[in-house]
Amino acid sequence: MAIGVTELRKGVTFEDGGDLFRVLEYQHIKMGRGSATIRLKLRNLRTGANLERTFPNGGVVNDIRLDNREVQYLYSDSDAYHFMDNENYEQFAITEDTLGDAVKYLKEGMTLELSLYEGRAISIDLPTTVDLKIVETAPGFKGDTASGGGKPATLETGLVVTVPFFVNQGDTIRVDTRTNDYVTRV
């Protein structure tokens, strides 16, 4: 089914030219004399590449229907990340290329939403925030305050974020998965 590009929004998945894309950013640009263009930042779900495309107002793309399943992350090995379908307990593996940056937030036992297209896993929807333990950071000193800068901290998944000076190694922090930003100490 064809849909107009003006109906696309952040998070929508569509097909164009045989490839699947997810909209990362949407921008409607009005120009003189009633014309407009739609500028999109997209992620190619087959290759994982990010790109920008511009469509004329009135352009169309193919809408697709995704099947969503609730899955539990089990473990990773050198080849892939392993999940279990919470409905039928079927286990399957997904490569790092398919998951993209989501691997930085995966903890064993967490429940996620998996999107499938024609029976093939194409993406994982992460929760807005994830609680992760700090495995390495510089120590905090008396007089360090919550405001006025920060220090890098390596988390249990390998992700590096900037945290306030008062946060120490061994602390658990909440991280925003959309921006990679520290939210609070848990």
N, C-alpha and C. Protein backbone atom coordinates (compact mmCIF):
# COMPACT_ATOMS: atom_id res chain seq x y z
N MET A 1 0.84 -1.17 0.00
CA MET A 1 0.00 0.00 0.00
C MET A 1 0.89 1.24 0.00
N ALA A 2 0.61 2.17 -0.85
CA ALA A 2 1.41 3.39 -0.95
C ALA A 2 0.91 4.45 0.03
N ILE A 3 1.86 5.15 0.64
CA ILE A 3 1.51 6.28 1.51
C ILE A 3 2.32 7.49 1.08
N GLY A 4 1.78 8.66 1.33
CA GLY A 4 2.48 9.90 1.00
C GLY A 4 3.60 10.17 1.98
N VAL A 5 4.67 10.78 1.51
CA VAL A 5 5.81 11.08 2.38
C VAL A 5 5.46 12.08 3.46
N THR A 6 4.39 12.85 3.27
CA THR A 6 3.98 13.78 4.32
C THR A 6 3.38 13.06 5.53
N GLU A 7 3.04 11.77 5.38
CA GLU A 7 2.49 10.98 6.48
C GLU A 7 3.60 10.30 7.31
N LEU A 8 4.84 10.37 6.85
CA LEU A 8 5.94 9.74 7.57
C LEU A 8 6.29 10.55 8.80
N ARG A 9 6.66 9.88 9.87
CA ARG A 9 7.10 10.49 11.11
C ARG A 9 8.23 9.66 11.70
N LYS A 10 8.86 10.19 12.73
CA LYS A 10 9.96 9.49 13.38
C LYS A 10 9.48 8.12 13.87
N GLY A 11 10.26 7.08 13.55
CA GLY A 11 9.94 5.73 13.99
C GLY A 11 9.16 4.91 12.99
N VAL A 12 8.63 5.53 11.92
CA VAL A 12 7.85 4.81 10.92
C VAL A 12 8.79 4.02 10.01
N THR A 13 8.38 2.81 9.64
CA THR A 13 9.17 1.97 8.76
C THR A 13 8.46 1.86 7.42
N PHE A 14 9.22 1.98 6.31
CA PHE A 14 8.63 1.90 4.97
C PHE A 14 9.61 1.26 4.01
N GLU A 15 9.10 0.93 2.82
CA GLU A 15 9.91 0.31 1.77
C GLU A 15 10.00 1.27 0.59
N ASP A 16 11.20 1.40 0.03
CA ASP A 16 11.39 2.24 -1.14
C ASP A 16 12.55 1.66 -1.95
N GLY A 17 12.31 1.36 -3.19
CA GLY A 17 13.35 0.82 -4.05
C GLY A 17 13.87 -0.54 -3.60
N GLY A 18 13.03 -1.33 -2.96
CA GLY A 18 13.43 -2.67 -2.53
C GLY A 18 14.14 -2.72 -1.18
N ASP A 19 14.40 -1.58 -0.56
CA ASP A 19 15.05 -1.54 0.75
C ASP A 19 14.07 -1.09 1.81
N LEU A 20 14.31 -1.54 3.05
CA LEU A 20 13.50 -1.12 4.19
C LEU A 20 14.20 0.00 4.92
N PHE A 21 13.43 1.04 5.29
CA PHE A 21 13.99 2.19 5.98
C PHE A 21 13.16 2.51 7.22
N ARG A 22 13.83 3.00 8.27
CA ARG A 22 13.15 3.53 9.45
C ARG A 22 13.49 5.00 9.54
N VAL A 23 12.49 5.85 9.76
CA VAL A 23 12.68 7.29 9.84
C VAL A 23 13.31 7.64 11.20
N LEU A 24 14.48 8.29 11.16
CA LEU A 24 15.14 8.75 12.38
C LEU A 24 14.79 10.21 12.67
N GLU A 25 14.70 11.03 11.62
CA GLU A 25 14.32 12.44 11.76
C GLU A 25 13.47 12.83 10.56
N TYR A 26 12.50 13.71 10.79
CA TYR A 26 11.59 14.17 9.76
C TYR A 26 11.59 15.69 9.75
N GLN A 27 11.71 16.28 8.56
CA GLN A 27 11.72 17.74 8.45
C GLN A 27 10.93 18.13 7.21
N HIS A 28 9.89 18.96 7.42
CA HIS A 28 9.07 19.48 6.32
C HIS A 28 9.60 20.88 6.00
N ILE A 29 10.09 21.09 4.78
CA ILE A 29 10.68 22.37 4.40
C ILE A 29 9.77 23.05 3.38
N LYS A 30 9.24 24.21 3.77
CA LYS A 30 8.37 24.97 2.88
C LYS A 30 9.21 25.94 2.08
N MET A 31 8.94 25.97 0.77
CA MET A 31 9.64 26.90 -0.10
C MET A 31 8.60 27.83 -0.71
N GLY A 32 9.03 28.79 -1.44
CA GLY A 32 8.11 29.77 -2.03
C GLY A 32 7.14 29.16 -3.03
N ARG A 33 6.05 29.86 -3.27
CA ARG A 33 5.05 29.50 -4.27
C ARG A 33 4.37 28.16 -4.01
N GLY A 34 4.21 27.81 -2.75
CA GLY A 34 3.41 26.63 -2.40
C GLY A 34 4.11 25.29 -2.52
N SER A 35 5.36 25.29 -2.91
CA SER A 35 6.05 23.99 -3.01
C SER A 35 6.74 23.67 -1.69
N ALA A 36 7.00 22.40 -1.47
CA ALA A 36 7.66 21.97 -0.25
C ALA A 36 8.42 20.68 -0.52
N THR A 37 9.40 20.40 0.33
CA THR A 37 10.12 19.13 0.26
C THR A 37 10.14 18.51 1.65
N ILE A 38 10.32 17.21 1.67
CA ILE A 38 10.39 16.46 2.91
C ILE A 38 11.81 15.90 3.00
N ARG A 39 12.55 16.32 4.04
CA ARG A 39 13.92 15.84 4.25
C ARG A 39 13.88 14.83 5.39
N LEU A 40 14.42 13.64 5.14
CA LEU A 40 14.40 12.57 6.11
C LEU A 40 15.79 12.05 6.41
N LYS A 41 16.07 11.77 7.68
CA LYS A 41 17.24 10.99 8.06
C LYS A 41 16.73 9.58 8.26
N LEU A 42 17.34 8.63 7.58
CA LEU A 42 16.84 7.26 7.56
C LEU A 42 17.91 6.26 7.97
N ARG A 43 17.47 5.12 8.45
CA ARG A 43 18.36 3.98 8.67
C ARG A 43 17.89 2.86 7.76
N ASN A 44 18.81 2.36 6.91
CA ASN A 44 18.52 1.22 6.06
C ASN A 44 18.53 -0.01 6.96
N LEU A 45 17.40 -0.68 7.11
CA LEU A 45 17.29 -1.80 8.04
C LEU A 45 17.95 -3.07 7.54
N ARG A 46 18.25 -3.15 6.27
CA ARG A 46 18.95 -4.33 5.74
C ARG A 46 20.47 -4.20 5.92
N THR A 47 21.01 -2.98 5.74
CA THR A 47 22.46 -2.79 5.82
C THR A 47 22.90 -2.11 7.10
N GLY A 48 21.99 -1.40 7.79
CA GLY A 48 22.33 -0.67 9.00
C GLY A 48 22.90 0.71 8.74
N ALA A 49 23.02 1.11 7.48
CA ALA A 49 23.59 2.41 7.13
C ALA A 49 22.59 3.54 7.38
N ASN A 50 23.10 4.68 7.85
CA ASN A 50 22.28 5.88 8.01
C ASN A 50 22.47 6.77 6.79
N LEU A 51 21.39 7.39 6.32
CA LEU A 51 21.48 8.26 5.17
C LEU A 51 20.42 9.33 5.22
N GLU A 52 20.58 10.35 4.40
CA GLU A 52 19.60 11.43 4.28
C GLU A 52 19.00 11.37 2.89
N ARG A 53 17.67 11.56 2.81
CA ARG A 53 16.99 11.59 1.51
C ARG A 53 16.00 12.73 1.52
N THR A 54 15.79 13.31 0.37
CA THR A 54 14.82 14.38 0.20
C THR A 54 13.78 13.92 -0.81
N PHE A 55 12.51 14.08 -0.43
CA PHE A 55 11.40 13.72 -1.30
C PHE A 55 10.61 14.97 -1.64
N PRO A 56 10.08 15.07 -2.85
CA PRO A 56 9.20 16.20 -3.16
C PRO A 56 7.86 16.01 -2.45
N ASN A 57 7.21 17.13 -2.13
CA ASN A 57 5.88 17.06 -1.55
C ASN A 57 4.99 16.32 -2.53
N GLY A 58 4.24 15.34 -2.07
CA GLY A 58 3.39 14.55 -2.96
C GLY A 58 4.04 13.23 -3.35
N GLY A 59 5.29 13.00 -2.95
CA GLY A 59 5.95 11.73 -3.23
C GLY A 59 5.31 10.60 -2.43
N VAL A 60 5.46 9.38 -2.90
CA VAL A 60 4.88 8.23 -2.21
C VAL A 60 5.94 7.15 -2.00
N VAL A 61 5.74 6.37 -0.94
CA VAL A 61 6.57 5.21 -0.62
C VAL A 61 5.63 4.07 -0.26
N ASN A 62 6.16 2.87 -0.16
CA ASN A 62 5.35 1.70 0.18
C ASN A 62 5.33 1.49 1.68
N ASP A 63 4.14 1.49 2.24
CA ASP A 63 3.96 1.23 3.66
C ASP A 63 4.09 -0.27 3.90
N ILE A 64 4.70 -0.65 5.00
CA ILE A 64 4.83 -2.08 5.32
C ILE A 64 4.23 -2.33 6.70
N ARG A 65 3.83 -3.53 6.92
CA ARG A 65 3.29 -3.95 8.21
C ARG A 65 4.32 -4.84 8.89
N LEU A 66 4.67 -4.46 10.10
CA LEU A 66 5.63 -5.23 10.87
C LEU A 66 4.90 -6.07 11.91
N ASP A 67 5.43 -7.27 12.15
CA ASP A 67 4.95 -8.10 13.25
C ASP A 67 5.83 -7.79 14.44
N ASN A 68 5.22 -7.53 15.58
CA ASN A 68 5.98 -7.25 16.80
C ASN A 68 5.80 -8.38 17.79
N ARG A 69 6.91 -8.77 18.41
CA ARG A 69 6.88 -9.83 19.42
C ARG A 69 7.66 -9.37 20.64
N GLU A 70 7.19 -9.81 21.79
CA GLU A 70 7.92 -9.55 23.03
C GLU A 70 8.95 -10.67 23.19
N VAL A 71 10.21 -10.27 23.35
CA VAL A 71 11.29 -11.25 23.48
C VAL A 71 12.14 -10.92 24.71
N GLN A 72 12.88 -11.92 25.15
CA GLN A 72 13.79 -11.74 26.28
C GLN A 72 15.21 -11.98 25.77
N TYR A 73 16.11 -11.05 26.13
CA TYR A 73 17.51 -11.20 25.75
C TYR A 73 18.16 -12.22 26.68
N LEU A 74 18.81 -13.24 26.09
CA LEU A 74 19.42 -14.31 26.88
C LEU A 74 20.92 -14.12 27.07
N TYR A 75 21.67 -14.10 25.97
CA TYR A 75 23.12 -13.99 26.05
C TYR A 75 23.69 -13.69 24.67
N SER A 76 25.00 -13.40 24.63
CA SER A 76 25.68 -13.19 23.35
C SER A 76 26.88 -14.11 23.28
N ASP A 77 27.24 -14.45 22.07
CA ASP A 77 28.49 -15.18 21.83
C ASP A 77 29.24 -14.44 20.74
N SER A 78 30.28 -15.03 20.21
CA SER A 78 31.11 -14.32 19.23
C SER A 78 30.38 -14.04 17.92
N ASP A 79 29.33 -14.80 17.62
CA ASP A 79 28.64 -14.66 16.34
C ASP A 79 27.37 -13.81 16.39
N ALA A 80 26.62 -13.91 17.50
CA ALA A 80 25.30 -13.29 17.51
C ALA A 80 24.79 -13.05 18.93
N TYR A 81 23.61 -12.43 18.99
CA TYR A 81 22.91 -12.17 20.24
C TYR A 81 21.68 -13.08 20.26
N HIS A 82 21.46 -13.76 21.37
CA HIS A 82 20.42 -14.78 21.44
C HIS A 82 19.23 -14.29 22.26
N PHE A 83 18.03 -14.54 21.72
CA PHE A 83 16.78 -14.10 22.31
C PHE A 83 15.81 -15.27 22.40
N MET A 84 14.78 -15.10 23.26
CA MET A 84 13.72 -16.09 23.38
C MET A 84 12.37 -15.38 23.24
N ASP A 85 11.51 -15.93 22.39
CA ASP A 85 10.15 -15.43 22.22
C ASP A 85 9.38 -15.74 23.49
N ASN A 86 8.79 -14.72 24.13
CA ASN A 86 8.08 -14.93 25.39
C ASN A 86 6.75 -15.65 25.22
N GLU A 87 6.25 -15.75 23.98
CA GLU A 87 4.97 -16.41 23.76
C GLU A 87 5.12 -17.91 23.56
N ASN A 88 6.06 -18.32 22.69
CA ASN A 88 6.19 -19.75 22.38
C ASN A 88 7.54 -20.34 22.83
N TYR A 89 8.36 -19.54 23.51
CA TYR A 89 9.66 -19.96 24.07
C TYR A 89 10.67 -20.42 23.01
N GLU A 90 10.46 -20.05 21.78
CA GLU A 90 11.39 -20.36 20.71
C GLU A 90 12.62 -19.46 20.85
N GLN A 91 13.81 -20.04 20.69
CA GLN A 91 15.04 -19.27 20.79
C GLN A 91 15.61 -19.04 19.39
N PHE A 92 16.21 -17.85 19.20
CA PHE A 92 16.80 -17.50 17.91
C PHE A 92 17.93 -16.51 18.13
N ALA A 93 18.76 -16.35 17.11
CA ALA A 93 19.92 -15.46 17.19
C ALA A 93 19.78 -14.33 16.19
N ILE A 94 20.30 -13.15 16.56
CA ILE A 94 20.31 -11.98 15.69
C ILE A 94 21.73 -11.43 15.67
N THR A 95 22.21 -11.05 14.49
CA THR A 95 23.57 -10.54 14.36
C THR A 95 23.67 -9.11 14.87
N GLU A 96 24.89 -8.70 15.18
CA GLU A 96 25.15 -7.34 15.65
C GLU A 96 24.81 -6.31 14.58
N ASP A 97 25.00 -6.64 13.31
CA ASP A 97 24.66 -5.71 12.23
C ASP A 97 23.18 -5.35 12.24
N THR A 98 22.32 -6.32 12.52
CA THR A 98 20.89 -6.08 12.56
C THR A 98 20.51 -5.22 13.76
N LEU A 99 21.13 -5.47 14.91
CA LEU A 99 20.79 -4.76 16.14
C LEU A 99 21.34 -3.34 16.18
N GLY A 100 22.47 -3.09 15.54
CA GLY A 100 23.07 -1.76 15.53
C GLY A 100 23.51 -1.31 16.91
N ASP A 101 23.19 -0.05 17.26
CA ASP A 101 23.61 0.52 18.54
C ASP A 101 22.87 -0.05 19.74
N ALA A 102 21.82 -0.82 19.51
CA ALA A 102 21.05 -1.40 20.62
C ALA A 102 21.90 -2.34 21.47
N VAL A 103 22.97 -2.90 20.91
CA VAL A 103 23.80 -3.84 21.68
C VAL A 103 24.46 -3.16 22.88
N LYS A 104 24.61 -1.85 22.86
CA LYS A 104 25.23 -1.12 23.96
C LYS A 104 24.37 -1.11 25.22
N TYR A 105 23.10 -1.48 25.08
CA TYR A 105 22.16 -1.40 26.20
C TYR A 105 21.62 -2.76 26.64
N LEU A 106 22.00 -3.84 25.96
CA LEU A 106 21.43 -5.15 26.26
C LEU A 106 22.00 -5.75 27.54
N LYS A 107 21.10 -6.14 28.45
CA LYS A 107 21.47 -6.84 29.68
C LYS A 107 20.72 -8.16 29.70
N GLU A 108 21.37 -9.19 30.17
CA GLU A 108 20.73 -10.50 30.22
C GLU A 108 19.44 -10.44 31.02
N GLY A 109 18.38 -11.03 30.45
CA GLY A 109 17.09 -11.09 31.13
C GLY A 109 16.14 -9.95 30.80
N MET A 110 16.61 -8.91 30.11
CA MET A 110 15.71 -7.79 29.83
C MET A 110 14.71 -8.15 28.74
N THR A 111 13.50 -7.59 28.86
CA THR A 111 12.42 -7.84 27.91
C THR A 111 12.35 -6.68 26.92
N LEU A 112 12.26 -7.02 25.62
CA LEU A 112 12.27 -6.03 24.55
C LEU A 112 11.18 -6.34 23.53
N GLU A 113 10.95 -5.39 22.63
CA GLU A 113 10.00 -5.57 21.54
C GLU A 113 10.81 -5.79 20.25
N LEU A 114 10.57 -6.93 19.60
CA LEU A 114 11.26 -7.29 18.36
C LEU A 114 10.33 -7.04 17.19
N SER A 115 10.83 -6.37 16.14
CA SER A 115 10.05 -6.14 14.92
C SER A 115 10.50 -7.11 13.85
N LEU A 116 9.52 -7.78 13.23
CA LEU A 116 9.78 -8.76 12.18
C LEU A 116 9.11 -8.31 10.89
N TYR A 117 9.78 -8.54 9.77
CA TYR A 117 9.21 -8.28 8.45
C TYR A 117 9.39 -9.53 7.62
N GLU A 118 8.29 -10.11 7.18
CA GLU A 118 8.29 -11.36 6.42
C GLU A 118 9.08 -12.44 7.16
N GLY A 119 8.90 -12.52 8.48
CA GLY A 119 9.54 -13.55 9.29
C GLY A 119 10.99 -13.30 9.63
N ARG A 120 11.54 -12.16 9.23
CA ARG A 120 12.96 -11.85 9.48
C ARG A 120 13.05 -10.69 10.47
N ALA A 121 13.89 -10.86 11.50
CA ALA A 121 14.08 -9.81 12.50
C ALA A 121 14.77 -8.62 11.85
N ILE A 122 14.20 -7.40 12.05
CA ILE A 122 14.83 -6.22 11.46
C ILE A 122 15.25 -5.18 12.48
N SER A 123 14.63 -5.20 13.68
CA SER A 123 15.05 -4.21 14.68
C SER A 123 14.51 -4.58 16.06
N ILE A 124 15.15 -3.99 17.07
CA ILE A 124 14.75 -4.14 18.47
C ILE A 124 14.35 -2.75 18.98
N ASP A 125 13.23 -2.66 19.66
CA ASP A 125 12.81 -1.40 20.28
C ASP A 125 13.23 -1.42 21.74
N LEU A 126 14.14 -0.53 22.10
CA LEU A 126 14.64 -0.45 23.46
C LEU A 126 13.70 0.35 24.35
N PRO A 127 13.74 0.11 25.67
CA PRO A 127 13.02 1.00 26.57
C PRO A 127 13.68 2.38 26.54
N THR A 128 13.00 3.40 27.01
CA THR A 128 13.54 4.76 27.00
C THR A 128 14.78 4.88 27.86
N THR A 129 14.79 4.20 29.01
CA THR A 129 15.96 4.24 29.88
C THR A 129 16.34 2.82 30.29
N VAL A 130 17.64 2.65 30.58
CA VAL A 130 18.17 1.36 31.02
C VAL A 130 19.09 1.62 32.21
N ASP A 131 19.01 0.76 33.23
CA ASP A 131 19.88 0.86 34.40
C ASP A 131 21.11 -0.01 34.19
N LEU A 132 22.30 0.60 34.24
CA LEU A 132 23.56 -0.11 34.00
C LEU A 132 24.56 0.21 35.11
N LYS A 133 25.42 -0.75 35.41
CA LYS A 133 26.42 -0.60 36.46
C LYS A 133 27.70 -0.03 35.88
N ILE A 134 28.34 0.88 36.64
CA ILE A 134 29.61 1.48 36.22
C ILE A 134 30.74 0.52 36.59
N VAL A 135 31.57 0.13 35.60
CA VAL A 135 32.69 -0.77 35.87
C VAL A 135 34.01 -0.02 35.95
N GLU A 136 34.05 1.20 35.39
CA GLU A 136 35.30 1.96 35.46
C GLU A 136 35.03 3.45 35.34
N THR A 137 35.57 4.22 36.28
CA THR A 137 35.52 5.68 36.23
C THR A 137 36.53 6.22 37.23
N ALA A 138 36.90 7.46 37.08
CA ALA A 138 37.82 8.09 38.02
C ALA A 138 37.10 8.27 39.36
N PRO A 139 37.81 8.22 40.47
CA PRO A 139 37.14 8.38 41.77
C PRO A 139 36.65 9.81 41.99
N GLY A 140 35.60 9.94 42.81
CA GLY A 140 35.09 11.25 43.18
C GLY A 140 35.85 11.76 44.39
N PHE A 141 36.00 13.06 44.51
CA PHE A 141 36.73 13.65 45.64
C PHE A 141 35.83 14.62 46.38
N LYS A 142 36.14 14.84 47.64
CA LYS A 142 35.37 15.77 48.45
C LYS A 142 35.40 17.15 47.79
N GLY A 143 34.24 17.76 47.68
CA GLY A 143 34.16 19.07 47.05
C GLY A 143 33.62 19.00 45.63
N ASP A 144 33.63 17.79 45.03
CA ASP A 144 33.03 17.65 43.70
C ASP A 144 31.52 17.83 43.83
N THR A 145 30.94 18.55 42.91
CA THR A 145 29.52 18.85 42.99
C THR A 145 28.77 18.22 41.83
N ALA A 146 27.46 18.24 41.92
CA ALA A 146 26.62 17.66 40.87
C ALA A 146 26.64 18.50 39.61
N SER A 147 26.95 19.78 39.73
CA SER A 147 26.98 20.64 38.55
C SER A 147 28.41 21.03 38.22
N GLY A 148 28.61 21.49 37.05
CA GLY A 148 29.93 22.01 36.68
C GLY A 148 30.82 21.00 35.99
N GLY A 149 30.26 20.10 35.21
CA GLY A 149 31.09 19.20 34.43
C GLY A 149 30.82 17.75 34.74
N GLY A 150 31.71 16.92 34.26
CA GLY A 150 31.53 15.49 34.45
C GLY A 150 32.79 14.75 34.09
N LYS A 151 32.70 13.43 34.19
CA LYS A 151 33.83 12.56 33.88
C LYS A 151 33.31 11.37 33.10
N PRO A 152 34.16 10.74 32.28
CA PRO A 152 33.70 9.57 31.53
C PRO A 152 33.59 8.35 32.43
N ALA A 153 32.60 7.51 32.16
CA ALA A 153 32.40 6.27 32.90
C ALA A 153 32.10 5.15 31.91
N THR A 154 32.78 4.01 32.08
CA THR A 154 32.53 2.84 31.25
C THR A 154 31.52 1.95 31.97
N LEU A 155 30.46 1.57 31.27
CA LEU A 155 29.40 0.78 31.86
C LEU A 155 29.59 -0.71 31.57
N GLU A 156 28.81 -1.56 32.22
CA GLU A 156 28.96 -3.01 32.11
C GLU A 156 28.82 -3.54 30.69
N THR A 157 28.15 -2.81 29.81
CA THR A 157 27.98 -3.25 28.43
C THR A 157 29.06 -2.70 27.50
N GLY A 158 29.98 -1.89 28.05
CA GLY A 158 31.03 -1.28 27.24
C GLY A 158 30.72 0.14 26.80
N LEU A 159 29.52 0.60 27.01
CA LEU A 159 29.11 1.96 26.66
C LEU A 159 29.84 2.95 27.56
N VAL A 160 30.31 4.06 26.98
CA VAL A 160 30.97 5.12 27.75
C VAL A 160 30.06 6.35 27.73
N VAL A 161 29.72 6.84 28.94
CA VAL A 161 28.88 8.03 29.09
C VAL A 161 29.56 9.01 30.02
N THR A 162 29.15 10.27 29.98
CA THR A 162 29.66 11.28 30.90
C THR A 162 28.73 11.34 32.10
N VAL A 163 29.34 11.23 33.29
CA VAL A 163 28.57 11.24 34.54
C VAL A 163 29.06 12.37 35.43
N PRO A 164 28.24 12.81 36.40
CA PRO A 164 28.70 13.83 37.35
C PRO A 164 29.86 13.31 38.20
N PHE A 165 30.60 14.22 38.80
CA PHE A 165 31.79 13.85 39.58
C PHE A 165 31.46 12.99 40.80
N PHE A 166 30.27 13.13 41.39
CA PHE A 166 29.96 12.38 42.60
C PHE A 166 29.64 10.90 42.35
N VAL A 167 29.46 10.48 41.11
CA VAL A 167 29.16 9.09 40.79
C VAL A 167 30.45 8.29 40.80
N ASN A 168 30.42 7.11 41.41
CA ASN A 168 31.63 6.29 41.59
C ASN A 168 31.52 4.94 40.90
N GLN A 169 32.66 4.29 40.78
CA GLN A 169 32.72 2.94 40.25
C GLN A 169 31.87 2.03 41.14
N GLY A 170 31.09 1.13 40.52
CA GLY A 170 30.22 0.24 41.27
C GLY A 170 28.80 0.75 41.40
N ASP A 171 28.58 2.07 41.18
CA ASP A 171 27.23 2.63 41.23
C ASP A 171 26.43 2.16 40.02
N THR A 172 25.12 2.11 40.18
CA THR A 172 24.22 1.82 39.06
C THR A 172 23.57 3.13 38.65
N ILE A 173 23.59 3.40 37.34
CA ILE A 173 23.02 4.65 36.84
C ILE A 173 21.95 4.35 35.79
N ARG A 174 21.08 5.31 35.57
CA ARG A 174 20.06 5.20 34.53
C ARG A 174 20.54 6.02 33.33
N VAL A 175 20.49 5.39 32.13
CA VAL A 175 20.96 6.01 30.90
C VAL A 175 19.80 6.11 29.92
N ASP A 176 19.65 7.26 29.28
CA ASP A 176 18.64 7.47 28.24
C ASP A 176 19.14 6.81 26.96
N THR A 177 18.40 5.82 26.44
CA THR A 177 18.84 5.07 25.26
C THR A 177 18.72 5.88 23.96
N ARG A 178 17.98 6.97 23.98
CA ARG A 178 17.83 7.78 22.77
C ARG A 178 19.01 8.72 22.57
N THR A 179 19.61 9.19 23.69
CA THR A 179 20.65 10.21 23.61
C THR A 179 21.99 9.79 24.20
N ASN A 180 22.08 8.61 24.82
CA ASN A 180 23.30 8.14 25.53
C ASN A 180 23.66 9.03 26.70
N ASP A 181 22.70 9.72 27.30
CA ASP A 181 22.96 10.64 28.40
C ASP A 181 22.66 10.01 29.75
N TYR A 182 23.45 10.40 30.75
CA TYR A 182 23.20 10.04 32.15
C TYR A 182 21.91 10.70 32.59
N VAL A 183 21.04 9.94 33.30
CA VAL A 183 19.79 10.50 33.80
C VAL A 183 19.87 10.69 35.31
N THR A 184 20.17 9.61 36.04
CA THR A 184 20.25 9.68 37.49
C THR A 184 20.99 8.46 38.04
N ARG A 185 21.41 8.58 39.28
CA ARG A 185 22.01 7.44 39.97
C ARG A 185 20.85 6.65 40.60
N VAL A 186 20.90 5.35 40.49
CA VAL A 186 19.81 4.51 41.00
C VAL A 186 20.20 3.93 42.35
